[in-house]
Amino acid sequence: HAWCCDAKGSVSKLKSIYPELLSIKIGGSQGGSEREVYIAKPVLDNVELFVGTPVEDYIIKRGFTREDAFLWGILAKQKTIVVVPLYNDKGEYIFWVEKDTITGKYNNPQGVSRSSLIWVRYCSLSKDIILVEGVFDAMRVLSAGFNVMILLGTILFEAEVDYIEKHSLNPILFLDSDVKYPIYKKIQKKLDRF
């Protein structure tokens, strides 16, 4: 359980990281059962739930539901900035991604070495793992039932390669169509040993 878990999940782990937990009821539409989830609010300035903000409209336009956004812990900052917290494979909060819904630009935290972050989410026992550029790509891949690793750009760091090797994963590169061929080949070369 990373950002969100049900009342029977490992809420205590989240409480040890974040004293403030938001309890939200989701589901219940189209015959589904309603359930309570706990969302940890990261220690960021000026964040709020996205409901009723332009962030919610942005998420819906991208083809996601309100429930998807709750499950990913999406928050709003200054009403128009999407904030997506990221956790490592141990469920520890490590980073967040901000995207301005008006300008389309990303604004990530300063002073954090991207090379030391490994962001992975598992949803199956498969050893296949899809490597994607961004958080919305990851949301799409994970909702389709595949394990995912976010590169947060087009650089594959050695720490990520080591993680893939250590866990005997089968990496599948899934980059955006605008990635230049030399960049793609550079990443592919790092993955050749798999």
N, C-alpha and C. Protein backbone atom coordinates (compact mmCIF):
# COMPACT_ATOMS: atom_id res chain seq x y z
N HIS A 1 0.85 -1.17 0.00
CA HIS A 1 0.00 0.00 0.00
C HIS A 1 0.89 1.23 0.00
N ALA A 2 0.70 2.08 -0.95
CA ALA A 2 1.55 3.26 -1.01
C ALA A 2 0.77 4.48 -0.56
N TRP A 3 0.23 5.18 -1.50
CA TRP A 3 -0.44 6.43 -1.17
C TRP A 3 -1.77 6.17 -0.49
N CYS A 4 -2.44 5.14 -0.87
CA CYS A 4 -3.82 4.96 -0.45
C CYS A 4 -4.02 3.50 -0.10
N CYS A 5 -4.76 3.22 0.94
CA CYS A 5 -5.08 1.84 1.25
C CYS A 5 -6.42 1.79 1.95
N ASP A 6 -7.04 0.61 1.95
CA ASP A 6 -8.34 0.53 2.59
C ASP A 6 -8.18 0.44 4.10
N ALA A 7 -9.30 0.48 4.80
CA ALA A 7 -9.25 0.54 6.26
C ALA A 7 -8.59 -0.68 6.87
N LYS A 8 -8.53 -1.79 6.14
CA LYS A 8 -7.89 -3.00 6.67
C LYS A 8 -6.44 -3.11 6.24
N GLY A 9 -5.96 -2.14 5.45
CA GLY A 9 -4.59 -2.18 4.95
C GLY A 9 -3.60 -1.62 5.94
N SER A 10 -2.42 -1.32 5.45
CA SER A 10 -1.34 -0.89 6.33
C SER A 10 -1.39 0.62 6.59
N VAL A 11 -2.48 1.06 7.17
CA VAL A 11 -2.65 2.47 7.50
C VAL A 11 -1.60 2.92 8.51
N SER A 12 -1.21 2.04 9.42
CA SER A 12 -0.24 2.42 10.44
C SER A 12 1.09 2.86 9.81
N LYS A 13 1.46 2.26 8.67
CA LYS A 13 2.69 2.66 8.01
C LYS A 13 2.56 4.10 7.51
N LEU A 14 1.41 4.42 6.94
CA LEU A 14 1.19 5.79 6.50
C LEU A 14 1.17 6.74 7.68
N LYS A 15 0.54 6.33 8.79
CA LYS A 15 0.46 7.21 9.96
C LYS A 15 1.84 7.50 10.53
N SER A 16 2.77 6.56 10.38
CA SER A 16 4.11 6.81 10.89
C SER A 16 4.85 7.84 10.04
N ILE A 17 4.46 7.95 8.76
CA ILE A 17 5.09 8.92 7.87
C ILE A 17 4.35 10.25 7.95
N TYR A 18 3.02 10.19 7.96
CA TYR A 18 2.19 11.38 7.96
C TYR A 18 1.18 11.32 9.09
N PRO A 19 1.23 12.25 10.01
CA PRO A 19 0.25 12.24 11.09
C PRO A 19 -1.15 12.61 10.59
N GLU A 20 -1.24 13.36 9.49
CA GLU A 20 -2.54 13.78 8.99
C GLU A 20 -3.00 12.85 7.87
N LEU A 21 -4.07 12.09 8.16
CA LEU A 21 -4.66 11.22 7.14
C LEU A 21 -6.05 11.73 6.83
N LEU A 22 -6.37 11.81 5.55
CA LEU A 22 -7.70 12.19 5.13
C LEU A 22 -8.49 10.91 4.85
N SER A 23 -9.68 10.82 5.37
CA SER A 23 -10.54 9.66 5.13
C SER A 23 -11.59 10.05 4.11
N ILE A 24 -11.67 9.30 3.01
CA ILE A 24 -12.58 9.62 1.92
C ILE A 24 -13.33 8.37 1.50
N LYS A 25 -14.62 8.50 1.23
CA LYS A 25 -15.40 7.39 0.71
C LYS A 25 -15.42 7.49 -0.81
N ILE A 26 -15.08 6.38 -1.48
CA ILE A 26 -15.10 6.36 -2.95
C ILE A 26 -15.86 5.14 -3.42
N GLY A 27 -16.17 5.13 -4.69
CA GLY A 27 -16.89 4.01 -5.27
C GLY A 27 -18.39 4.14 -5.06
N GLY A 28 -19.05 3.02 -5.21
CA GLY A 28 -20.49 3.01 -5.01
C GLY A 28 -21.28 3.35 -6.25
N SER A 29 -20.62 3.76 -7.32
CA SER A 29 -21.34 4.08 -8.54
C SER A 29 -21.44 2.85 -9.43
N GLN A 30 -22.42 2.81 -10.28
CA GLN A 30 -22.63 1.73 -11.24
C GLN A 30 -22.62 0.37 -10.57
N GLY A 31 -23.27 0.27 -9.43
CA GLY A 31 -23.41 -1.01 -8.75
C GLY A 31 -22.22 -1.44 -7.93
N GLY A 32 -21.12 -0.68 -7.95
CA GLY A 32 -19.95 -1.04 -7.16
C GLY A 32 -20.16 -0.71 -5.69
N SER A 33 -19.37 -1.30 -4.85
CA SER A 33 -19.53 -1.04 -3.42
C SER A 33 -18.68 0.15 -3.00
N GLU A 34 -19.22 0.93 -2.09
CA GLU A 34 -18.49 2.08 -1.57
C GLU A 34 -17.48 1.59 -0.55
N ARG A 35 -16.32 2.21 -0.53
CA ARG A 35 -15.32 1.85 0.47
C ARG A 35 -14.61 3.10 0.95
N GLU A 36 -14.05 3.00 2.13
CA GLU A 36 -13.32 4.12 2.70
C GLU A 36 -11.84 3.94 2.43
N VAL A 37 -11.20 4.99 1.98
CA VAL A 37 -9.76 4.94 1.78
C VAL A 37 -9.14 6.05 2.60
N TYR A 38 -7.88 5.86 2.92
CA TYR A 38 -7.12 6.86 3.66
C TYR A 38 -6.07 7.44 2.74
N ILE A 39 -6.00 8.74 2.70
CA ILE A 39 -5.02 9.41 1.85
C ILE A 39 -4.13 10.26 2.74
N ALA A 40 -2.84 10.06 2.61
CA ALA A 40 -1.90 10.86 3.38
C ALA A 40 -1.61 12.13 2.62
N LYS A 41 -1.76 13.25 3.28
CA LYS A 41 -1.49 14.55 2.65
C LYS A 41 -0.01 14.86 2.84
N PRO A 42 0.75 14.95 1.75
CA PRO A 42 2.18 15.19 1.91
C PRO A 42 2.46 16.57 2.49
N VAL A 43 3.63 16.70 3.04
CA VAL A 43 4.01 17.97 3.65
C VAL A 43 4.44 18.93 2.56
N LEU A 44 3.46 19.56 1.94
CA LEU A 44 3.68 20.54 0.89
C LEU A 44 2.85 21.77 1.23
N ASP A 45 3.28 22.92 0.75
CA ASP A 45 2.53 24.14 1.00
C ASP A 45 1.34 24.24 0.06
N ASN A 46 0.24 24.73 0.58
CA ASN A 46 -0.93 25.10 -0.22
C ASN A 46 -1.53 23.97 -1.05
N VAL A 47 -1.55 22.75 -0.56
CA VAL A 47 -2.22 21.68 -1.30
C VAL A 47 -3.58 21.43 -0.71
N GLU A 48 -4.49 20.96 -1.56
CA GLU A 48 -5.85 20.67 -1.15
C GLU A 48 -6.38 19.52 -1.99
N LEU A 49 -7.53 18.99 -1.62
CA LEU A 49 -8.16 17.98 -2.46
C LEU A 49 -8.52 18.62 -3.79
N PHE A 50 -8.44 17.85 -4.85
CA PHE A 50 -8.64 18.38 -6.20
C PHE A 50 -10.11 18.57 -6.57
N VAL A 51 -11.02 18.00 -5.81
CA VAL A 51 -12.45 18.02 -6.16
C VAL A 51 -12.94 19.46 -6.29
N GLY A 52 -13.61 19.74 -7.42
CA GLY A 52 -14.18 21.06 -7.64
C GLY A 52 -13.18 22.11 -8.12
N THR A 53 -11.97 21.69 -8.47
CA THR A 53 -10.96 22.62 -8.96
C THR A 53 -10.70 22.34 -10.45
N PRO A 54 -10.00 23.24 -11.14
CA PRO A 54 -9.61 22.96 -12.53
C PRO A 54 -8.76 21.69 -12.66
N VAL A 55 -8.11 21.29 -11.59
CA VAL A 55 -7.33 20.04 -11.62
C VAL A 55 -8.26 18.86 -11.89
N GLU A 56 -9.44 18.84 -11.29
CA GLU A 56 -10.38 17.75 -11.54
C GLU A 56 -10.79 17.73 -13.02
N ASP A 57 -11.07 18.89 -13.59
CA ASP A 57 -11.42 18.96 -15.00
C ASP A 57 -10.29 18.41 -15.88
N TYR A 58 -9.06 18.76 -15.53
CA TYR A 58 -7.89 18.30 -16.28
C TYR A 58 -7.79 16.77 -16.23
N ILE A 59 -7.99 16.20 -15.06
CA ILE A 59 -7.91 14.75 -14.89
C ILE A 59 -8.99 14.06 -15.71
N ILE A 60 -10.19 14.57 -15.67
CA ILE A 60 -11.30 13.99 -16.43
C ILE A 60 -11.03 14.07 -17.93
N LYS A 61 -10.51 15.20 -18.40
CA LYS A 61 -10.19 15.37 -19.83
C LYS A 61 -9.12 14.38 -20.28
N ARG A 62 -8.27 13.97 -19.36
CA ARG A 62 -7.22 13.00 -19.69
C ARG A 62 -7.74 11.57 -19.67
N GLY A 63 -9.03 11.40 -19.35
CA GLY A 63 -9.63 10.08 -19.41
C GLY A 63 -9.61 9.31 -18.10
N PHE A 64 -9.29 10.00 -17.00
CA PHE A 64 -9.29 9.35 -15.69
C PHE A 64 -10.55 9.72 -14.93
N THR A 65 -10.89 8.91 -13.96
CA THR A 65 -12.06 9.17 -13.13
C THR A 65 -11.63 9.82 -11.83
N ARG A 66 -12.62 10.31 -11.10
CA ARG A 66 -12.35 10.87 -9.78
C ARG A 66 -11.75 9.79 -8.88
N GLU A 67 -12.26 8.56 -8.98
CA GLU A 67 -11.73 7.46 -8.16
C GLU A 67 -10.26 7.19 -8.50
N ASP A 68 -9.91 7.22 -9.80
CA ASP A 68 -8.50 7.05 -10.19
C ASP A 68 -7.63 8.09 -9.48
N ALA A 69 -8.11 9.32 -9.48
CA ALA A 69 -7.34 10.41 -8.86
C ALA A 69 -7.20 10.21 -7.36
N PHE A 70 -8.26 9.75 -6.70
CA PHE A 70 -8.16 9.47 -5.27
C PHE A 70 -7.16 8.34 -5.01
N LEU A 71 -7.23 7.31 -5.82
CA LEU A 71 -6.33 6.17 -5.61
C LEU A 71 -4.88 6.54 -5.83
N TRP A 72 -4.62 7.54 -6.65
CA TRP A 72 -3.25 7.99 -6.89
C TRP A 72 -2.86 9.11 -5.94
N GLY A 73 -3.80 9.57 -5.12
CA GLY A 73 -3.47 10.62 -4.16
C GLY A 73 -3.27 11.98 -4.77
N ILE A 74 -3.89 12.23 -5.92
CA ILE A 74 -3.71 13.51 -6.60
C ILE A 74 -4.28 14.64 -5.76
N LEU A 75 -3.55 15.72 -5.69
CA LEU A 75 -3.96 16.91 -4.97
C LEU A 75 -3.90 18.11 -5.91
N ALA A 76 -4.46 19.22 -5.45
CA ALA A 76 -4.40 20.46 -6.22
C ALA A 76 -3.58 21.47 -5.43
N LYS A 77 -2.84 22.29 -6.16
CA LYS A 77 -2.06 23.36 -5.55
C LYS A 77 -2.42 24.64 -6.31
N GLN A 78 -2.79 25.65 -5.57
CA GLN A 78 -3.21 26.92 -6.18
C GLN A 78 -4.29 26.70 -7.23
N LYS A 79 -5.14 25.73 -6.99
CA LYS A 79 -6.32 25.40 -7.82
C LYS A 79 -6.03 24.84 -9.20
N THR A 80 -4.89 25.18 -9.82
CA THR A 80 -4.65 24.77 -11.22
C THR A 80 -3.44 23.87 -11.41
N ILE A 81 -2.76 23.52 -10.33
CA ILE A 81 -1.56 22.68 -10.45
C ILE A 81 -1.86 21.29 -9.90
N VAL A 82 -1.63 20.28 -10.75
CA VAL A 82 -1.80 18.89 -10.34
C VAL A 82 -0.58 18.48 -9.52
N VAL A 83 -0.79 17.92 -8.35
CA VAL A 83 0.30 17.43 -7.51
C VAL A 83 0.11 15.93 -7.34
N VAL A 84 1.10 15.15 -7.77
CA VAL A 84 1.03 13.70 -7.66
C VAL A 84 2.20 13.24 -6.80
N PRO A 85 1.93 12.75 -5.59
CA PRO A 85 3.01 12.23 -4.75
C PRO A 85 3.49 10.88 -5.26
N LEU A 86 4.78 10.63 -5.12
CA LEU A 86 5.36 9.37 -5.57
C LEU A 86 6.01 8.66 -4.38
N TYR A 87 5.89 7.35 -4.40
CA TYR A 87 6.41 6.51 -3.32
C TYR A 87 7.32 5.46 -3.92
N ASN A 88 8.27 5.00 -3.12
CA ASN A 88 9.12 3.91 -3.59
C ASN A 88 8.41 2.58 -3.38
N ASP A 89 9.08 1.49 -3.70
CA ASP A 89 8.44 0.17 -3.59
C ASP A 89 8.22 -0.27 -2.15
N LYS A 90 8.72 0.49 -1.17
CA LYS A 90 8.48 0.19 0.24
C LYS A 90 7.33 1.03 0.80
N GLY A 91 6.72 1.84 -0.06
CA GLY A 91 5.61 2.68 0.37
C GLY A 91 6.05 3.97 1.03
N GLU A 92 7.33 4.33 0.90
CA GLU A 92 7.84 5.56 1.51
C GLU A 92 7.72 6.72 0.53
N TYR A 93 7.21 7.84 1.02
CA TYR A 93 7.05 9.04 0.21
C TYR A 93 8.43 9.57 -0.15
N ILE A 94 8.71 9.72 -1.46
CA ILE A 94 10.04 10.13 -1.87
C ILE A 94 10.08 11.38 -2.74
N PHE A 95 8.99 11.73 -3.37
CA PHE A 95 9.06 12.76 -4.40
C PHE A 95 7.65 13.16 -4.78
N TRP A 96 7.49 14.23 -5.50
CA TRP A 96 6.20 14.53 -6.08
C TRP A 96 6.41 15.19 -7.43
N VAL A 97 5.38 15.12 -8.24
CA VAL A 97 5.39 15.74 -9.55
C VAL A 97 4.30 16.80 -9.55
N GLU A 98 4.63 17.98 -10.06
CA GLU A 98 3.64 19.05 -10.22
C GLU A 98 3.52 19.37 -11.69
N LYS A 99 2.28 19.51 -12.16
CA LYS A 99 2.06 19.94 -13.54
C LYS A 99 1.00 21.04 -13.55
N ASP A 100 1.36 22.17 -14.16
CA ASP A 100 0.45 23.29 -14.27
C ASP A 100 -0.55 22.99 -15.38
N THR A 101 -1.84 22.98 -15.06
CA THR A 101 -2.87 22.64 -16.05
C THR A 101 -3.07 23.74 -17.08
N ILE A 102 -2.57 24.93 -16.81
CA ILE A 102 -2.72 26.05 -17.75
C ILE A 102 -1.56 26.08 -18.74
N THR A 103 -0.33 26.04 -18.22
CA THR A 103 0.85 26.14 -19.10
C THR A 103 1.31 24.78 -19.62
N GLY A 104 0.92 23.70 -18.91
CA GLY A 104 1.37 22.36 -19.30
C GLY A 104 2.78 22.04 -18.84
N LYS A 105 3.39 22.95 -18.08
CA LYS A 105 4.78 22.76 -17.64
C LYS A 105 4.84 22.02 -16.32
N TYR A 106 5.92 21.23 -16.18
CA TYR A 106 6.18 20.53 -14.94
C TYR A 106 7.04 21.41 -14.05
N ASN A 107 6.81 21.33 -12.75
CA ASN A 107 7.58 22.10 -11.78
C ASN A 107 7.88 21.15 -10.62
N ASN A 108 9.01 20.51 -10.67
CA ASN A 108 9.36 19.52 -9.66
C ASN A 108 10.22 20.13 -8.57
N PRO A 109 10.26 19.50 -7.40
CA PRO A 109 10.99 20.07 -6.27
C PRO A 109 12.47 20.28 -6.57
N GLN A 110 12.99 21.38 -6.05
CA GLN A 110 14.41 21.68 -6.22
C GLN A 110 15.21 20.95 -5.14
N GLY A 111 16.45 20.67 -5.44
CA GLY A 111 17.35 20.09 -4.45
C GLY A 111 17.20 18.60 -4.23
N VAL A 112 16.42 17.94 -5.09
CA VAL A 112 16.26 16.49 -4.97
C VAL A 112 16.98 15.86 -6.15
N SER A 113 17.90 14.97 -5.85
CA SER A 113 18.65 14.30 -6.92
C SER A 113 17.78 13.24 -7.56
N ARG A 114 17.38 13.47 -8.78
CA ARG A 114 16.52 12.54 -9.51
C ARG A 114 17.20 11.18 -9.67
N SER A 115 18.53 11.16 -9.73
CA SER A 115 19.24 9.90 -9.96
C SER A 115 19.13 8.94 -8.78
N SER A 116 18.72 9.44 -7.62
CA SER A 116 18.63 8.56 -6.45
C SER A 116 17.22 8.01 -6.23
N LEU A 117 16.28 8.42 -7.07
CA LEU A 117 14.89 8.00 -6.89
C LEU A 117 14.55 6.81 -7.76
N ILE A 118 13.86 5.87 -7.18
CA ILE A 118 13.35 4.74 -7.94
C ILE A 118 11.87 4.66 -7.63
N TRP A 119 11.04 4.85 -8.64
CA TRP A 119 9.60 4.85 -8.43
C TRP A 119 8.99 3.69 -9.19
N VAL A 120 8.45 2.74 -8.43
CA VAL A 120 7.88 1.52 -9.00
C VAL A 120 6.55 1.24 -8.34
N ARG A 121 5.58 0.75 -9.12
CA ARG A 121 4.35 0.22 -8.53
C ARG A 121 4.03 -1.10 -9.18
N TYR A 122 3.70 -2.06 -8.32
CA TYR A 122 3.36 -3.40 -8.79
C TYR A 122 1.87 -3.63 -8.68
N CYS A 123 1.31 -4.30 -9.67
CA CYS A 123 -0.09 -4.69 -9.56
C CYS A 123 -0.27 -6.15 -9.96
N SER A 124 0.80 -6.81 -10.37
CA SER A 124 0.69 -8.22 -10.72
C SER A 124 1.98 -8.93 -10.32
N LEU A 125 1.92 -10.24 -10.34
CA LEU A 125 3.10 -11.03 -9.98
C LEU A 125 4.05 -11.21 -11.16
N SER A 126 3.70 -10.67 -12.29
CA SER A 126 4.53 -10.77 -13.49
C SER A 126 5.89 -10.14 -13.24
N LYS A 127 6.90 -10.66 -13.91
CA LYS A 127 8.24 -10.06 -13.84
C LYS A 127 8.42 -8.98 -14.90
N ASP A 128 7.41 -8.79 -15.77
CA ASP A 128 7.47 -7.72 -16.75
C ASP A 128 7.23 -6.39 -16.04
N ILE A 129 8.01 -5.39 -16.43
CA ILE A 129 7.79 -4.05 -15.90
C ILE A 129 7.90 -3.05 -17.05
N ILE A 130 6.89 -2.20 -17.17
CA ILE A 130 6.85 -1.21 -18.24
C ILE A 130 7.53 0.06 -17.75
N LEU A 131 8.51 0.55 -18.52
CA LEU A 131 9.20 1.79 -18.20
C LEU A 131 8.56 2.92 -19.00
N VAL A 132 8.06 3.93 -18.31
CA VAL A 132 7.39 5.06 -18.97
C VAL A 132 8.03 6.36 -18.54
N GLU A 133 7.74 7.42 -19.29
CA GLU A 133 8.32 8.73 -18.99
C GLU A 133 7.64 9.44 -17.83
N GLY A 134 6.32 9.48 -17.81
CA GLY A 134 5.63 10.34 -16.87
C GLY A 134 4.58 9.65 -16.03
N VAL A 135 4.10 10.41 -15.06
CA VAL A 135 3.16 9.88 -14.08
C VAL A 135 1.81 9.52 -14.70
N PHE A 136 1.34 10.30 -15.68
CA PHE A 136 0.06 9.98 -16.30
C PHE A 136 0.18 8.74 -17.18
N ASP A 137 1.36 8.56 -17.80
CA ASP A 137 1.61 7.31 -18.53
C ASP A 137 1.54 6.13 -17.57
N ALA A 138 2.14 6.30 -16.40
CA ALA A 138 2.15 5.23 -15.39
C ALA A 138 0.74 4.91 -14.91
N MET A 139 -0.07 5.94 -14.71
CA MET A 139 -1.46 5.71 -14.28
C MET A 139 -2.19 4.86 -15.31
N ARG A 140 -1.97 5.14 -16.58
CA ARG A 140 -2.63 4.41 -17.66
C ARG A 140 -2.15 2.95 -17.69
N VAL A 141 -0.84 2.76 -17.60
CA VAL A 141 -0.26 1.41 -17.66
C VAL A 141 -0.71 0.57 -16.45
N LEU A 142 -0.66 1.16 -15.28
CA LEU A 142 -1.04 0.44 -14.06
C LEU A 142 -2.53 0.07 -14.09
N SER A 143 -3.37 0.98 -14.59
CA SER A 143 -4.80 0.68 -14.66
C SER A 143 -5.10 -0.42 -15.67
N ALA A 144 -4.18 -0.64 -16.60
CA ALA A 144 -4.33 -1.74 -17.57
C ALA A 144 -3.83 -3.07 -17.00
N GLY A 145 -3.28 -3.03 -15.77
CA GLY A 145 -2.87 -4.27 -15.11
C GLY A 145 -1.42 -4.65 -15.23
N PHE A 146 -0.55 -3.68 -15.54
CA PHE A 146 0.87 -3.97 -15.69
C PHE A 146 1.69 -3.25 -14.61
N ASN A 147 2.80 -3.88 -14.21
CA ASN A 147 3.75 -3.24 -13.31
C ASN A 147 4.42 -2.08 -14.05
N VAL A 148 4.79 -1.03 -13.32
CA VAL A 148 5.31 0.15 -14.00
C VAL A 148 6.44 0.81 -13.20
N MET A 149 7.38 1.39 -13.95
CA MET A 149 8.44 2.23 -13.38
C MET A 149 8.43 3.55 -14.14
N ILE A 150 8.41 4.65 -13.40
CA ILE A 150 8.42 5.97 -14.02
C ILE A 150 9.85 6.48 -14.10
N LEU A 151 10.26 6.89 -15.30
CA LEU A 151 11.59 7.46 -15.47
C LEU A 151 11.61 8.95 -15.13
N LEU A 152 10.45 9.59 -15.12
CA LEU A 152 10.35 11.04 -14.92
C LEU A 152 11.22 11.77 -15.93
N GLY A 153 11.06 11.39 -17.16
CA GLY A 153 11.83 11.98 -18.26
C GLY A 153 12.34 10.89 -19.17
N THR A 154 13.46 11.17 -19.82
CA THR A 154 14.01 10.21 -20.78
C THR A 154 15.43 9.79 -20.41
N ILE A 155 15.71 9.78 -19.12
CA ILE A 155 17.02 9.30 -18.65
C ILE A 155 16.79 8.08 -17.77
N LEU A 156 17.51 7.02 -18.06
CA LEU A 156 17.47 5.82 -17.24
C LEU A 156 18.76 5.80 -16.42
N PHE A 157 18.63 5.99 -15.11
CA PHE A 157 19.80 6.05 -14.24
C PHE A 157 20.26 4.64 -13.85
N GLU A 158 21.54 4.54 -13.49
CA GLU A 158 22.10 3.24 -13.10
C GLU A 158 21.37 2.63 -11.91
N ALA A 159 20.89 3.47 -10.99
CA ALA A 159 20.16 2.94 -9.83
C ALA A 159 18.91 2.20 -10.29
N GLU A 160 18.26 2.70 -11.34
CA GLU A 160 17.07 2.02 -11.86
C GLU A 160 17.44 0.73 -12.56
N VAL A 161 18.54 0.75 -13.31
CA VAL A 161 19.01 -0.47 -13.98
C VAL A 161 19.37 -1.52 -12.93
N ASP A 162 20.06 -1.09 -11.88
CA ASP A 162 20.42 -2.02 -10.79
C ASP A 162 19.18 -2.59 -10.12
N TYR A 163 18.15 -1.76 -9.92
CA TYR A 163 16.90 -2.22 -9.31
C TYR A 163 16.26 -3.30 -10.19
N ILE A 164 16.21 -3.06 -11.49
CA ILE A 164 15.63 -4.03 -12.43
C ILE A 164 16.39 -5.34 -12.35
N GLU A 165 17.71 -5.26 -12.32
CA GLU A 165 18.54 -6.46 -12.26
C GLU A 165 18.38 -7.19 -10.93
N LYS A 166 18.41 -6.45 -9.84
CA LYS A 166 18.29 -7.04 -8.50
C LYS A 166 16.99 -7.82 -8.33
N HIS A 167 15.92 -7.31 -8.92
CA HIS A 167 14.60 -7.94 -8.77
C HIS A 167 14.24 -8.85 -9.94
N SER A 168 15.22 -9.12 -10.80
CA SER A 168 15.04 -10.02 -11.95
C SER A 168 13.81 -9.66 -12.78
N LEU A 169 13.69 -8.38 -13.09
CA LEU A 169 12.54 -7.91 -13.86
C LEU A 169 12.84 -7.91 -15.35
N ASN A 170 11.80 -8.01 -16.13
CA ASN A 170 11.91 -7.96 -17.58
C ASN A 170 11.43 -6.58 -18.03
N PRO A 171 12.36 -5.64 -18.31
CA PRO A 171 11.94 -4.28 -18.65
C PRO A 171 11.42 -4.16 -20.08
N ILE A 172 10.33 -3.42 -20.21
CA ILE A 172 9.75 -3.13 -21.52
C ILE A 172 9.68 -1.61 -21.64
N LEU A 173 10.38 -1.08 -22.61
CA LEU A 173 10.48 0.36 -22.79
C LEU A 173 9.26 0.88 -23.55
N PHE A 174 8.60 1.87 -22.96
CA PHE A 174 7.35 2.40 -23.52
C PHE A 174 7.41 3.92 -23.44
N LEU A 175 8.14 4.53 -24.40
CA LEU A 175 8.35 5.98 -24.38
C LEU A 175 7.37 6.69 -25.30
N ASP A 176 7.23 7.99 -25.08
CA ASP A 176 6.36 8.80 -25.93
C ASP A 176 6.90 8.85 -27.35
N SER A 177 6.02 9.12 -28.31
CA SER A 177 6.42 9.12 -29.72
C SER A 177 7.34 10.29 -30.09
N ASP A 178 7.43 11.31 -29.23
CA ASP A 178 8.29 12.45 -29.55
C ASP A 178 9.74 12.28 -29.10
N VAL A 179 10.08 11.13 -28.53
CA VAL A 179 11.46 10.88 -28.08
C VAL A 179 12.35 10.66 -29.30
N LYS A 180 13.44 11.38 -29.34
CA LYS A 180 14.39 11.28 -30.45
C LYS A 180 15.08 9.90 -30.43
N TYR A 181 15.36 9.38 -31.61
CA TYR A 181 15.93 8.04 -31.74
C TYR A 181 17.24 7.86 -30.95
N PRO A 182 18.19 8.82 -30.98
CA PRO A 182 19.42 8.62 -30.20
C PRO A 182 19.16 8.46 -28.69
N ILE A 183 18.17 9.17 -28.17
CA ILE A 183 17.83 9.03 -26.74
C ILE A 183 17.28 7.63 -26.49
N TYR A 184 16.37 7.20 -27.36
CA TYR A 184 15.79 5.86 -27.24
C TYR A 184 16.90 4.79 -27.26
N LYS A 185 17.83 4.91 -28.21
CA LYS A 185 18.92 3.92 -28.33
C LYS A 185 19.82 3.93 -27.09
N LYS A 186 20.04 5.10 -26.51
CA LYS A 186 20.87 5.19 -25.30
C LYS A 186 20.23 4.41 -24.15
N ILE A 187 18.93 4.57 -24.00
CA ILE A 187 18.22 3.83 -22.95
C ILE A 187 18.22 2.34 -23.27
N GLN A 188 17.92 2.02 -24.53
CA GLN A 188 17.89 0.62 -24.97
C GLN A 188 19.23 -0.07 -24.70
N LYS A 189 20.32 0.63 -24.93
CA LYS A 189 21.65 0.05 -24.72
C LYS A 189 21.85 -0.35 -23.25
N LYS A 190 21.35 0.49 -22.32
CA LYS A 190 21.45 0.16 -20.90
C LYS A 190 20.64 -1.07 -20.53
N LEU A 191 19.62 -1.35 -21.33
CA LEU A 191 18.73 -2.48 -21.02
C LEU A 191 19.11 -3.74 -21.80
N ASP A 192 20.14 -3.65 -22.66
CA ASP A 192 20.53 -4.79 -23.48
C ASP A 192 20.87 -6.04 -22.70
N ARG A 193 21.39 -5.90 -21.50
CA ARG A 193 21.81 -7.07 -20.73
C ARG A 193 20.63 -7.89 -20.20
N PHE A 194 19.44 -7.36 -20.35
CA PHE A 194 18.25 -8.09 -19.91
C PHE A 194 17.68 -8.84 -21.08
